[in-house]
Amino acid sequence: MSRLALLLTLTVVAACSAAEPIEVLATKSGLRFGIWPKRPEKPAPTMFVLSGKLEDTLGSTYFRQAGEFLAKDGWLLVSVDLPSHGQEMRPKGDSGLGGWRARINNGEDPVADVTGRLSRVLDHLLTEKLADSERIAALGTSRGGFVAFHFAAADKRVKCAAGFAPVTDLAALSEFRFAETNALVQRLALERHADALAGRALWLVIGDRDARVSTDAAIRFARHVTAVSLEKKLPALVELHVVSEPKGHTVPAGYAEKAAEWFRKQFPEKR
């Protein structure tokens, strides 16, 4: 087998590892997004699943997280490329969180970019009657969790959100060393968005020694949202799991299924 044929085979296998193929679609304005496991016949409860490149996210049981279980209940999973990932990469080293750092150094807000795209995809899903407007949720892993919570803060149609080993403060990341005083880095810290998230249903799990994204930062974020919710006399609906996890930055085993149960409680079956 030629090298090209082998690469094509590996690409097809990776894309189909989700059992059901990923369908990549576009809004009428050309905004690219993916869905899994299949297009629903009527408006479905919809989960935005975020991690990096949309094909890698929807094609992985690890990154689908709770969506892996909810899809069996008829949920639609949706994803987009995060900034500096997949087709949202730019030339000359714009890759991953290093790309985020470069954009922020240039005064760009990668979070506003992606949350704006997510809202426009949601507009499209509602117009096309693919998503149930009363049952919209978001989840993400690591940097995807950061974006999921920002999406919930920016778009009230997102009723609840979950983060798996989530970034909660860019300043905790090695890519942002010496950028801790950058005004945009500070403004993007999730604690700064507690007012928008107060009273909202949020779920987090993180290992007890996650030095990559900072366990302490995740705890501070969760506690601050609770404090602001109570101050505003709103329901305090943050559920935080800090779990013994010697591997560091990873999602503790079994918590994707626990999150799925939590999401089901947020959206009881319609009769």
Protein backbone atom coordinates (compact mmCIF):
# COMPACT_ATOMS: atom_id res chain seq x y z
CA MET A 1 0.00 0.00 0.00
CA SER A 2 1.35 3.43 -0.93
CA ARG A 3 1.94 6.03 1.73
CA LEU A 4 -0.89 8.17 0.32
CA ALA A 5 -3.31 5.23 0.35
CA LEU A 6 -2.32 4.42 3.94
CA LEU A 7 -2.93 8.02 5.01
CA LEU A 8 -6.32 8.05 3.31
CA THR A 9 -7.24 4.77 4.99
CA LEU A 10 -6.22 6.06 8.40
CA THR A 11 -8.23 9.26 7.82
CA VAL A 12 -11.37 7.28 6.94
CA VAL A 13 -10.93 4.98 9.95
CA ALA A 14 -10.49 7.97 12.28
CA ALA A 15 -13.53 9.74 10.86
CA CYS A 16 -15.69 6.63 11.17
CA SER A 17 -14.50 5.59 14.63
CA ALA A 18 -17.67 7.12 16.03
CA ALA A 19 -19.74 4.21 14.53
CA GLU A 20 -22.07 6.78 12.94
CA PRO A 21 -20.21 9.07 10.49
CA ILE A 22 -19.68 12.72 11.34
CA GLU A 23 -21.62 15.03 9.05
CA VAL A 24 -19.95 18.35 8.29
CA LEU A 25 -22.45 21.05 7.34
CA ALA A 26 -22.50 24.81 6.84
CA THR A 27 -24.88 27.61 7.63
CA LYS A 28 -26.27 29.70 4.77
CA SER A 29 -23.45 32.16 5.35
CA GLY A 30 -20.87 29.37 4.99
CA LEU A 31 -20.07 28.84 8.67
CA ARG A 32 -18.76 25.29 9.06
CA PHE A 33 -19.93 22.92 11.82
CA GLY A 34 -20.32 19.20 12.44
CA ILE A 35 -23.10 17.01 13.82
CA TRP A 36 -23.24 13.47 15.22
CA PRO A 37 -24.67 10.83 15.29
CA LYS A 38 -27.23 11.77 12.63
CA ARG A 39 -29.61 14.51 11.55
CA PRO A 40 -32.77 14.30 13.69
CA GLU A 41 -36.23 14.00 12.14
CA LYS A 42 -37.62 16.58 14.58
CA PRO A 43 -36.10 19.22 16.88
CA ALA A 44 -33.85 17.36 19.32
CA PRO A 45 -32.15 18.19 22.60
CA THR A 46 -28.82 19.58 21.45
CA MET A 47 -25.38 19.43 23.00
CA PHE A 48 -22.51 21.61 21.78
CA VAL A 49 -19.37 19.54 22.35
CA LEU A 50 -16.05 21.40 22.30
CA SER A 51 -12.43 20.39 22.41
CA GLY A 52 -10.31 21.37 19.39
CA LYS A 53 -10.81 20.27 15.80
CA LEU A 54 -14.47 19.38 15.25
CA GLU A 55 -13.76 16.01 13.58
CA ASP A 56 -11.47 14.96 16.43
CA THR A 57 -14.05 16.07 18.98
CA LEU A 58 -17.11 14.36 17.55
CA GLY A 59 -15.07 11.33 16.50
CA SER A 60 -13.76 10.53 19.98
CA THR A 61 -15.60 8.87 22.86
CA TYR A 62 -13.24 10.68 25.22
CA PHE A 63 -14.09 14.13 23.89
CA ARG A 64 -17.78 13.39 23.38
CA GLN A 65 -17.90 12.83 27.15
CA ALA A 66 -21.52 12.87 28.39
CA GLY A 67 -22.67 13.24 24.79
CA GLU A 68 -21.65 9.64 24.18
CA PHE A 69 -24.49 8.50 26.47
CA LEU A 70 -26.98 11.23 25.62
CA ALA A 71 -26.79 10.50 21.90
CA LYS A 72 -28.39 7.13 22.67
CA ASP A 73 -31.36 9.09 24.06
CA GLY A 74 -31.79 11.02 20.82
CA TRP A 75 -29.60 14.04 21.57
CA LEU A 76 -27.88 15.81 18.70
CA LEU A 77 -24.18 16.58 19.23
CA VAL A 78 -22.73 19.64 17.48
CA SER A 79 -19.20 20.98 17.27
CA VAL A 80 -17.07 23.63 15.60
CA ASP A 81 -13.33 24.10 15.26
CA LEU A 82 -11.96 26.13 18.14
CA PRO A 83 -9.72 29.08 17.26
CA SER A 84 -6.26 27.93 16.06
CA HIS A 85 -7.57 24.38 15.48
CA GLY A 86 -8.68 22.55 12.33
CA GLN A 87 -9.77 24.94 9.60
CA GLU A 88 -9.62 27.86 12.05
CA MET A 89 -5.81 27.68 11.99
CA ARG A 90 -3.92 30.45 10.25
CA PRO A 91 -0.52 30.26 8.54
CA LYS A 92 2.74 30.75 10.42
CA GLY A 93 2.42 28.88 13.68
CA ASP A 94 -1.18 29.64 14.63
CA SER A 95 -1.75 26.32 16.39
CA GLY A 96 -3.48 25.39 19.64
CA LEU A 97 -3.19 27.50 22.75
CA GLY A 98 0.02 29.02 21.44
CA GLY A 99 -2.13 30.42 18.65
CA TRP A 100 -4.52 31.86 21.24
CA ARG A 101 -1.57 33.56 22.94
CA ALA A 102 -0.42 35.06 19.64
CA ARG A 103 -3.91 36.34 18.86
CA ILE A 104 -4.31 37.87 22.31
CA ASN A 105 -0.89 39.50 22.00
CA ASN A 106 -2.27 41.11 18.83
CA GLY A 107 -5.33 42.37 20.67
CA GLU A 108 -7.71 39.74 19.25
CA ASP A 109 -10.29 37.93 21.38
CA PRO A 110 -10.40 34.24 20.34
CA VAL A 111 -13.23 33.53 22.77
CA ALA A 112 -15.53 36.19 21.29
CA ASP A 113 -14.74 34.72 17.87
CA VAL A 114 -15.78 31.18 18.78
CA THR A 115 -18.79 32.05 20.95
CA GLY A 116 -20.07 34.24 18.12
CA ARG A 117 -19.73 31.37 15.67
CA LEU A 118 -21.47 29.00 18.09
CA SER A 119 -24.42 31.37 18.46
CA ARG A 120 -24.76 31.64 14.69
CA VAL A 121 -24.68 27.85 14.36
CA LEU A 122 -27.40 27.66 17.02
CA ASP A 123 -29.47 30.19 15.05
CA HIS A 124 -29.15 27.92 12.03
CA LEU A 125 -30.07 24.75 13.95
CA LEU A 126 -33.21 26.41 15.30
CA THR A 127 -34.21 27.82 11.92
CA GLU A 128 -33.76 24.40 10.31
CA LYS A 129 -35.75 22.78 13.16
CA LEU A 130 -32.90 20.48 14.11
CA ALA A 131 -32.53 21.74 17.70
CA ASP A 132 -35.12 22.00 20.46
CA SER A 133 -34.92 25.60 21.67
CA GLU A 134 -35.82 24.58 25.23
CA ARG A 135 -33.08 21.94 25.50
CA ILE A 136 -29.72 23.45 24.53
CA ALA A 137 -26.56 22.56 26.47
CA ALA A 138 -22.78 22.77 26.13
CA LEU A 139 -19.86 20.76 27.35
CA GLY A 140 -16.15 20.81 26.75
CA THR A 141 -12.87 19.25 27.77
CA SER A 142 -9.92 21.35 28.93
CA ARG A 143 -9.86 24.45 26.64
CA GLY A 144 -13.21 23.23 25.31
CA GLY A 145 -14.66 23.52 28.81
CA PHE A 146 -13.44 27.10 28.94
CA VAL A 147 -15.28 27.83 25.71
CA ALA A 148 -18.42 25.94 26.80
CA PHE A 149 -18.77 28.09 29.92
CA HIS A 150 -18.07 31.25 27.94
CA PHE A 151 -20.72 30.20 25.42
CA ALA A 152 -23.24 29.73 28.23
CA ALA A 153 -22.34 33.15 29.63
CA ALA A 154 -22.68 34.81 26.22
CA ASP A 155 -25.85 33.07 25.01
CA LYS A 156 -28.75 32.60 27.43
CA ARG A 157 -30.29 30.00 25.15
CA VAL A 158 -27.68 27.59 26.53
CA LYS A 159 -29.51 26.32 29.59
CA CYS A 160 -26.64 24.43 31.26
CA ALA A 161 -22.97 23.62 30.73
CA ALA A 162 -20.32 21.17 31.89
CA GLY A 163 -16.53 21.27 31.95
CA PHE A 164 -14.24 18.25 32.09
CA ALA A 165 -10.80 19.15 33.52
CA PRO A 166 -11.64 22.65 32.28
CA VAL A 167 -9.41 25.64 31.78
CA THR A 168 -10.96 28.40 33.89
CA ASP A 169 -8.18 31.00 33.76
CA LEU A 170 -5.77 31.34 30.84
CA ALA A 171 -3.16 32.79 33.20
CA ALA A 172 -2.78 29.33 34.77
CA LEU A 173 -1.52 27.85 31.49
CA SER A 174 2.14 27.55 30.52
CA GLU A 175 1.34 29.13 27.15
CA PHE A 176 0.37 32.34 28.98
CA ARG A 177 3.40 32.63 31.24
CA PHE A 178 4.33 36.30 31.65
CA ALA A 179 0.92 37.33 30.25
CA GLU A 180 -0.86 37.25 33.60
CA THR A 181 -1.25 41.05 33.62
CA ASN A 182 -2.57 41.26 30.08
CA ALA A 183 -5.96 42.98 30.30
CA LEU A 184 -7.66 40.57 27.91
CA VAL A 185 -6.25 37.50 29.67
CA GLN A 186 -7.63 38.85 32.93
CA ARG A 187 -10.99 39.73 31.39
CA LEU A 188 -11.40 36.22 29.95
CA ALA A 189 -10.94 34.49 33.32
CA LEU A 190 -14.24 32.72 33.98
CA GLU A 191 -14.51 34.23 37.46
CA ARG A 192 -15.03 37.58 35.71
CA HIS A 193 -18.19 36.17 34.09
CA ALA A 194 -19.86 34.97 37.28
CA ASP A 195 -22.64 37.54 36.93
CA ALA A 196 -23.67 36.07 33.58
CA LEU A 197 -23.51 32.53 34.96
CA ALA A 198 -25.21 33.20 38.30
CA GLY A 199 -28.24 31.00 38.83
CA ARG A 200 -27.29 28.77 35.89
CA ALA A 201 -26.79 25.01 36.11
CA LEU A 202 -23.06 24.25 35.81
CA TRP A 203 -21.17 20.97 36.32
CA LEU A 204 -17.42 20.52 36.66
CA VAL A 205 -15.04 17.64 37.28
CA ILE A 206 -11.30 17.98 37.75
CA GLY A 207 -8.51 15.92 39.24
CA ASP A 208 -7.11 16.94 42.60
CA ARG A 209 -3.62 17.62 41.20
CA ASP A 210 -4.23 19.07 37.76
CA ALA A 211 -1.23 21.35 37.37
CA ARG A 212 -1.92 21.90 33.66
CA VAL A 213 -5.10 23.96 34.08
CA SER A 214 -5.01 24.41 37.89
CA THR A 215 -7.37 22.57 40.19
CA ASP A 216 -7.37 25.59 42.49
CA ALA A 217 -8.50 27.90 39.67
CA ALA A 218 -11.44 25.60 38.88
CA ILE A 219 -12.46 25.53 42.54
CA ARG A 220 -12.26 29.33 42.77
CA PHE A 221 -14.43 29.71 39.69
CA ALA A 222 -17.10 27.31 40.98
CA ARG A 223 -17.19 28.89 44.42
CA HIS A 224 -17.36 32.40 42.98
CA VAL A 225 -20.35 31.58 40.78
CA THR A 226 -22.08 30.11 43.83
CA ALA A 227 -21.28 33.20 45.92
CA VAL A 228 -22.58 35.58 43.24
CA SER A 229 -25.72 33.45 42.78
CA LEU A 230 -26.48 33.62 46.50
CA GLU A 231 -25.74 37.34 46.59
CA LYS A 232 -28.26 37.86 43.79
CA LYS A 233 -30.76 35.57 45.55
CA LEU A 234 -30.66 33.17 42.62
CA PRO A 235 -30.47 29.36 42.80
CA ALA A 236 -26.93 28.11 43.47
CA LEU A 237 -26.71 25.31 40.88
CA VAL A 238 -22.98 24.64 40.54
CA GLU A 239 -21.97 21.00 40.98
CA LEU A 240 -18.21 20.56 41.43
CA HIS A 241 -16.37 17.22 41.62
CA VAL A 242 -12.72 17.25 42.73
CA VAL A 243 -11.52 13.68 42.36
CA SER A 244 -8.31 11.87 43.23
CA GLU A 245 -6.51 11.60 39.90
CA PRO A 246 -2.80 10.78 39.97
CA LYS A 247 -2.50 11.20 36.16
CA GLY A 248 -2.92 14.96 36.51
CA HIS A 249 -4.63 16.63 33.57
CA THR A 250 -7.19 14.05 32.53
CA VAL A 251 -10.86 13.31 33.14
CA PRO A 252 -11.36 10.83 36.00
CA ALA A 253 -12.92 7.56 34.88
CA GLY A 254 -16.71 7.26 35.09
CA TYR A 255 -17.48 10.97 35.21
CA ALA A 256 -18.73 11.28 31.63
CA GLU A 257 -21.61 8.98 32.55
CA LYS A 258 -22.22 10.87 35.81
CA ALA A 259 -22.45 14.09 33.80
CA ALA A 260 -24.93 12.49 31.42
CA GLU A 261 -27.21 11.74 34.37
CA TRP A 262 -26.89 15.34 35.50
CA PHE A 263 -27.82 16.63 32.03
CA ARG A 264 -30.87 14.35 31.96
CA LYS A 265 -32.05 15.92 35.21
CA GLN A 266 -31.75 19.39 33.68
CA PHE A 267 -33.97 18.34 30.76
CA PRO A 268 -36.60 15.79 31.83
CA GLU A 269 -38.18 13.83 29.02
CA LYS A 270 -41.11 15.64 27.43
CA ARG A 271 -44.46 13.85 27.73
